[in-house]
Amino acid sequence: EKFHVRSTGSYSFILNQPMGGRKSKGGQRVGEMEIWALQGYGAAHILQELLTVKADDIKQRQMMQLSIVRTGLVPKGNVSEGFKAIVSYMKALCLDVEMFEGKMARGDL
């Protein structure tokens, strides 16, 4: 799967992912291997920004530019629309999917 990443532009109506390609003024595609490379270099903040705020985190996308201008900080991302779509596909297959917040101990499952 490829993630589309760029600063501004149009978004897909269905998954709210950024459009790809020059024709639709899309951005650079970041694939699985590129994500692994960034993980290997310990670039957690860049990955967080690429995969949430700049990708398809609808709520944070609207506040990101204002926050950067005022404070110089990138806001923390929420759950992305792509992740929500994957969860809905899994639920359509009758899989019981639950999301947990915070840290979990080993015996919590």
N, C-alpha and C. Protein backbone atom coordinates (compact mmCIF):
# COMPACT_ATOMS: atom_id res chain seq x y z
N GLU A 1 0.85 -1.17 0.00
CA GLU A 1 0.00 0.00 0.00
C GLU A 1 0.89 1.23 0.00
N LYS A 2 0.48 2.25 -0.71
CA LYS A 2 1.22 3.50 -0.78
C LYS A 2 0.43 4.59 -0.07
N PHE A 3 1.14 5.45 0.63
CA PHE A 3 0.53 6.61 1.27
C PHE A 3 0.92 7.83 0.47
N HIS A 4 -0.01 8.71 0.21
CA HIS A 4 0.26 9.94 -0.53
C HIS A 4 0.54 11.05 0.48
N VAL A 5 1.65 11.74 0.30
CA VAL A 5 2.05 12.77 1.26
C VAL A 5 2.43 14.04 0.52
N ARG A 6 1.89 15.18 0.95
CA ARG A 6 2.25 16.50 0.43
C ARG A 6 1.67 17.53 1.38
N SER A 7 2.02 18.78 1.19
CA SER A 7 1.61 19.80 2.16
C SER A 7 0.15 20.24 1.98
N THR A 8 -0.28 20.55 0.76
CA THR A 8 -1.67 20.99 0.54
C THR A 8 -2.18 20.41 -0.77
N GLY A 9 -3.48 20.47 -0.98
CA GLY A 9 -4.07 20.00 -2.22
C GLY A 9 -5.38 19.28 -1.99
N SER A 10 -5.88 18.64 -3.06
CA SER A 10 -7.18 17.97 -2.97
C SER A 10 -7.05 16.58 -2.35
N TYR A 11 -8.19 16.05 -1.86
CA TYR A 11 -8.23 14.76 -1.18
C TYR A 11 -9.29 13.88 -1.81
N SER A 12 -9.06 12.56 -1.77
CA SER A 12 -10.02 11.59 -2.27
C SER A 12 -11.31 11.66 -1.45
N PHE A 13 -12.44 11.56 -2.13
CA PHE A 13 -13.73 11.66 -1.45
C PHE A 13 -14.00 10.46 -0.55
N ILE A 14 -13.61 9.26 -0.96
CA ILE A 14 -13.96 8.04 -0.23
C ILE A 14 -13.11 7.85 1.02
N LEU A 15 -11.78 7.81 0.89
CA LEU A 15 -10.91 7.53 2.04
C LEU A 15 -10.24 8.77 2.61
N ASN A 16 -10.47 9.92 2.01
CA ASN A 16 -9.84 11.17 2.44
C ASN A 16 -8.33 11.10 2.38
N GLN A 17 -7.79 10.29 1.48
CA GLN A 17 -6.35 10.24 1.24
C GLN A 17 -6.00 11.35 0.25
N PRO A 18 -4.81 11.92 0.37
CA PRO A 18 -4.38 12.92 -0.62
C PRO A 18 -4.34 12.32 -2.02
N MET A 19 -4.67 13.10 -3.03
CA MET A 19 -4.65 12.64 -4.41
C MET A 19 -3.20 12.42 -4.83
N GLY A 20 -2.99 11.49 -5.73
CA GLY A 20 -1.65 11.18 -6.21
C GLY A 20 -1.44 11.66 -7.64
N GLY A 21 -0.21 11.88 -8.00
CA GLY A 21 0.12 12.25 -9.36
C GLY A 21 0.11 13.75 -9.61
N ARG A 22 0.88 14.14 -10.61
CA ARG A 22 0.96 15.57 -10.95
C ARG A 22 -0.34 16.10 -11.52
N LYS A 23 -1.06 15.22 -12.24
CA LYS A 23 -2.29 15.65 -12.89
C LYS A 23 -3.30 16.19 -11.88
N SER A 24 -3.42 15.52 -10.73
CA SER A 24 -4.37 15.97 -9.71
C SER A 24 -3.69 16.74 -8.59
N LYS A 25 -2.49 17.28 -8.89
CA LYS A 25 -1.71 18.07 -7.92
C LYS A 25 -1.47 17.30 -6.63
N GLY A 26 -1.13 16.02 -6.80
CA GLY A 26 -0.86 15.15 -5.66
C GLY A 26 0.58 15.24 -5.22
N GLY A 27 0.92 14.45 -4.22
CA GLY A 27 2.25 14.53 -3.64
C GLY A 27 3.08 13.29 -3.86
N GLN A 28 4.18 13.21 -3.16
CA GLN A 28 5.10 12.10 -3.22
C GLN A 28 4.48 10.88 -2.56
N ARG A 29 4.65 9.71 -3.17
CA ARG A 29 4.13 8.49 -2.59
C ARG A 29 5.17 7.89 -1.67
N VAL A 30 4.74 7.52 -0.48
CA VAL A 30 5.63 6.91 0.51
C VAL A 30 5.17 5.48 0.70
N GLY A 31 6.02 4.52 0.34
CA GLY A 31 5.65 3.11 0.42
C GLY A 31 6.14 2.44 1.68
N GLU A 32 5.88 1.15 1.74
CA GLU A 32 6.23 0.36 2.92
C GLU A 32 7.74 0.37 3.18
N MET A 33 8.54 0.23 2.13
CA MET A 33 9.99 0.20 2.31
C MET A 33 10.52 1.55 2.79
N GLU A 34 9.94 2.63 2.30
CA GLU A 34 10.35 3.96 2.75
C GLU A 34 10.00 4.16 4.23
N ILE A 35 8.84 3.65 4.63
CA ILE A 35 8.44 3.73 6.03
C ILE A 35 9.40 2.93 6.90
N TRP A 36 9.79 1.73 6.45
CA TRP A 36 10.75 0.93 7.21
C TRP A 36 12.09 1.66 7.34
N ALA A 37 12.52 2.32 6.25
CA ALA A 37 13.79 3.05 6.30
C ALA A 37 13.72 4.19 7.32
N LEU A 38 12.61 4.92 7.34
CA LEU A 38 12.45 5.99 8.32
C LEU A 38 12.39 5.43 9.74
N GLN A 39 11.75 4.27 9.92
CA GLN A 39 11.74 3.63 11.23
C GLN A 39 13.15 3.26 11.66
N GLY A 40 13.93 2.74 10.71
CA GLY A 40 15.31 2.35 10.99
C GLY A 40 16.18 3.51 11.44
N TYR A 41 15.90 4.69 10.93
CA TYR A 41 16.65 5.89 11.32
C TYR A 41 16.06 6.57 12.55
N GLY A 42 15.01 6.01 13.12
CA GLY A 42 14.42 6.58 14.33
C GLY A 42 13.68 7.88 14.09
N ALA A 43 13.07 8.01 12.93
CA ALA A 43 12.38 9.25 12.58
C ALA A 43 10.90 9.17 12.94
N ALA A 44 10.61 8.95 14.21
CA ALA A 44 9.23 8.75 14.66
C ALA A 44 8.35 9.96 14.42
N HIS A 45 8.88 11.16 14.64
CA HIS A 45 8.07 12.36 14.47
C HIS A 45 7.72 12.60 13.00
N ILE A 46 8.66 12.32 12.12
CA ILE A 46 8.39 12.47 10.68
C ILE A 46 7.33 11.47 10.25
N LEU A 47 7.45 10.22 10.73
CA LEU A 47 6.46 9.20 10.39
C LEU A 47 5.07 9.56 10.91
N GLN A 48 5.02 10.07 12.13
CA GLN A 48 3.73 10.46 12.70
C GLN A 48 3.08 11.52 11.82
N GLU A 49 3.85 12.49 11.39
CA GLU A 49 3.32 13.57 10.55
C GLU A 49 2.90 13.05 9.18
N LEU A 50 3.73 12.20 8.57
CA LEU A 50 3.43 11.68 7.24
C LEU A 50 2.19 10.80 7.22
N LEU A 51 2.03 9.97 8.24
CA LEU A 51 0.97 8.96 8.23
C LEU A 51 -0.32 9.41 8.89
N THR A 52 -0.32 10.57 9.53
CA THR A 52 -1.56 11.03 10.17
C THR A 52 -1.93 12.42 9.67
N VAL A 53 -1.28 13.43 10.18
CA VAL A 53 -1.67 14.82 9.92
C VAL A 53 -1.60 15.16 8.43
N LYS A 54 -0.55 14.76 7.73
CA LYS A 54 -0.43 15.10 6.32
C LYS A 54 -1.12 14.10 5.41
N ALA A 55 -1.54 12.96 5.94
CA ALA A 55 -2.20 11.95 5.10
C ALA A 55 -3.71 12.10 5.14
N ASP A 56 -4.34 11.57 6.18
CA ASP A 56 -5.80 11.57 6.15
C ASP A 56 -6.44 11.78 7.51
N ASP A 57 -5.75 12.41 8.43
CA ASP A 57 -6.35 12.75 9.72
C ASP A 57 -7.14 14.05 9.53
N ILE A 58 -8.43 13.91 9.31
CA ILE A 58 -9.27 15.04 8.89
C ILE A 58 -9.27 16.17 9.91
N LYS A 59 -9.46 15.85 11.19
CA LYS A 59 -9.56 16.89 12.22
C LYS A 59 -8.25 17.65 12.37
N GLN A 60 -7.14 16.93 12.44
CA GLN A 60 -5.85 17.58 12.65
C GLN A 60 -5.36 18.30 11.41
N ARG A 61 -5.75 17.83 10.23
CA ARG A 61 -5.33 18.49 8.99
C ARG A 61 -5.79 19.94 8.97
N GLN A 62 -7.00 20.18 9.46
CA GLN A 62 -7.55 21.53 9.45
C GLN A 62 -6.84 22.45 10.43
N MET A 63 -6.28 21.89 11.50
CA MET A 63 -5.63 22.72 12.52
C MET A 63 -4.12 22.79 12.37
N MET A 64 -3.54 21.95 11.49
CA MET A 64 -2.09 21.84 11.41
C MET A 64 -1.41 23.14 11.00
N GLN A 65 -1.82 23.73 9.91
CA GLN A 65 -1.13 24.92 9.42
C GLN A 65 -1.20 26.06 10.43
N LEU A 66 -2.36 26.27 11.02
CA LEU A 66 -2.51 27.32 12.02
C LEU A 66 -1.61 27.07 13.22
N SER A 67 -1.52 25.81 13.66
CA SER A 67 -0.68 25.47 14.80
C SER A 67 0.80 25.69 14.50
N ILE A 68 1.22 25.31 13.30
CA ILE A 68 2.63 25.49 12.93
C ILE A 68 2.99 26.97 12.87
N VAL A 69 2.10 27.79 12.33
CA VAL A 69 2.37 29.23 12.23
C VAL A 69 2.43 29.86 13.61
N ARG A 70 1.51 29.48 14.50
CA ARG A 70 1.45 30.11 15.82
C ARG A 70 2.52 29.60 16.78
N THR A 71 2.72 28.28 16.84
CA THR A 71 3.61 27.71 17.85
C THR A 71 4.86 27.07 17.29
N GLY A 72 4.86 26.75 16.00
CA GLY A 72 5.99 26.05 15.41
C GLY A 72 5.96 24.55 15.67
N LEU A 73 4.87 24.06 16.26
CA LEU A 73 4.75 22.64 16.59
C LEU A 73 3.70 21.97 15.72
N VAL A 74 3.95 20.70 15.38
CA VAL A 74 2.97 19.91 14.64
C VAL A 74 2.08 19.20 15.66
N PRO A 75 0.75 19.32 15.52
CA PRO A 75 -0.14 18.68 16.50
C PRO A 75 -0.07 17.16 16.42
N LYS A 76 -0.36 16.51 17.53
CA LYS A 76 -0.37 15.05 17.58
C LYS A 76 -1.56 14.54 16.78
N GLY A 77 -1.34 13.51 15.97
CA GLY A 77 -2.39 12.97 15.12
C GLY A 77 -3.35 12.06 15.85
N ASN A 78 -4.55 11.94 15.30
CA ASN A 78 -5.56 11.02 15.80
C ASN A 78 -5.51 9.75 14.98
N VAL A 79 -6.55 8.95 15.04
CA VAL A 79 -6.65 7.74 14.23
C VAL A 79 -6.96 8.15 12.80
N SER A 80 -6.19 7.63 11.84
CA SER A 80 -6.36 8.03 10.45
C SER A 80 -7.58 7.38 9.82
N GLU A 81 -8.05 7.98 8.74
CA GLU A 81 -9.20 7.45 8.01
C GLU A 81 -8.86 6.12 7.35
N GLY A 82 -7.61 5.95 6.92
CA GLY A 82 -7.18 4.68 6.34
C GLY A 82 -7.29 3.54 7.34
N PHE A 83 -6.87 3.81 8.59
CA PHE A 83 -6.98 2.80 9.65
C PHE A 83 -8.44 2.49 9.94
N LYS A 84 -9.27 3.52 9.97
CA LYS A 84 -10.71 3.31 10.20
C LYS A 84 -11.32 2.46 9.09
N ALA A 85 -10.87 2.67 7.84
CA ALA A 85 -11.38 1.87 6.72
C ALA A 85 -10.97 0.41 6.87
N ILE A 86 -9.72 0.17 7.28
CA ILE A 86 -9.25 -1.21 7.49
C ILE A 86 -10.07 -1.89 8.57
N VAL A 87 -10.33 -1.18 9.66
CA VAL A 87 -11.14 -1.74 10.75
C VAL A 87 -12.55 -2.07 10.26
N SER A 88 -13.13 -1.19 9.45
CA SER A 88 -14.49 -1.46 8.95
C SER A 88 -14.49 -2.66 8.01
N TYR A 89 -13.42 -2.85 7.20
CA TYR A 89 -13.32 -4.04 6.35
C TYR A 89 -13.24 -5.30 7.21
N MET A 90 -12.45 -5.23 8.28
CA MET A 90 -12.31 -6.39 9.17
C MET A 90 -13.63 -6.72 9.86
N LYS A 91 -14.37 -5.69 10.26
CA LYS A 91 -15.68 -5.91 10.88
C LYS A 91 -16.67 -6.50 9.88
N ALA A 92 -16.54 -6.13 8.60
CA ALA A 92 -17.40 -6.70 7.56
C ALA A 92 -17.14 -8.19 7.39
N LEU A 93 -15.94 -8.64 7.76
CA LEU A 93 -15.60 -10.06 7.73
C LEU A 93 -15.97 -10.76 9.03
N CYS A 94 -16.76 -10.08 9.87
CA CYS A 94 -17.23 -10.60 11.16
C CYS A 94 -16.08 -10.82 12.15
N LEU A 95 -15.04 -10.01 12.06
CA LEU A 95 -13.95 -10.05 13.04
C LEU A 95 -14.23 -9.01 14.11
N ASP A 96 -14.03 -9.39 15.36
CA ASP A 96 -14.27 -8.48 16.48
C ASP A 96 -13.01 -7.64 16.70
N VAL A 97 -13.07 -6.38 16.33
CA VAL A 97 -11.92 -5.49 16.42
C VAL A 97 -12.18 -4.46 17.51
N GLU A 98 -11.22 -4.34 18.44
CA GLU A 98 -11.33 -3.36 19.52
C GLU A 98 -10.09 -2.49 19.51
N MET A 99 -10.26 -1.22 19.88
CA MET A 99 -9.13 -0.30 19.98
C MET A 99 -8.94 0.07 21.44
N PHE A 100 -7.68 0.09 21.88
CA PHE A 100 -7.35 0.43 23.25
C PHE A 100 -6.53 1.71 23.26
N GLU A 101 -6.74 2.54 24.25
CA GLU A 101 -5.93 3.75 24.43
C GLU A 101 -4.97 3.54 25.58
N GLY A 102 -3.82 4.13 25.48
CA GLY A 102 -2.84 4.05 26.56
C GLY A 102 -2.03 2.77 26.50
N LYS A 103 -1.28 2.53 27.55
CA LYS A 103 -0.41 1.36 27.62
C LYS A 103 -1.17 0.18 28.18
N MET A 104 -0.82 -0.99 27.70
CA MET A 104 -1.46 -2.22 28.17
C MET A 104 -0.40 -3.12 28.80
N ALA A 105 -0.79 -3.82 29.84
CA ALA A 105 0.10 -4.81 30.45
C ALA A 105 -0.01 -6.10 29.65
N ARG A 106 0.94 -6.99 29.83
CA ARG A 106 0.99 -8.22 29.06
C ARG A 106 -0.26 -9.08 29.26
N GLY A 107 -0.84 -9.13 30.43
CA GLY A 107 -1.98 -9.98 30.70
C GLY A 107 -3.33 -9.33 30.47
N ASP A 108 -3.37 -8.13 29.88
CA ASP A 108 -4.63 -7.40 29.71
C ASP A 108 -5.54 -7.97 28.62
N LEU A 109 -4.98 -8.72 27.68
CA LEU A 109 -5.82 -9.22 26.58
C LEU A 109 -6.62 -10.36 27.01
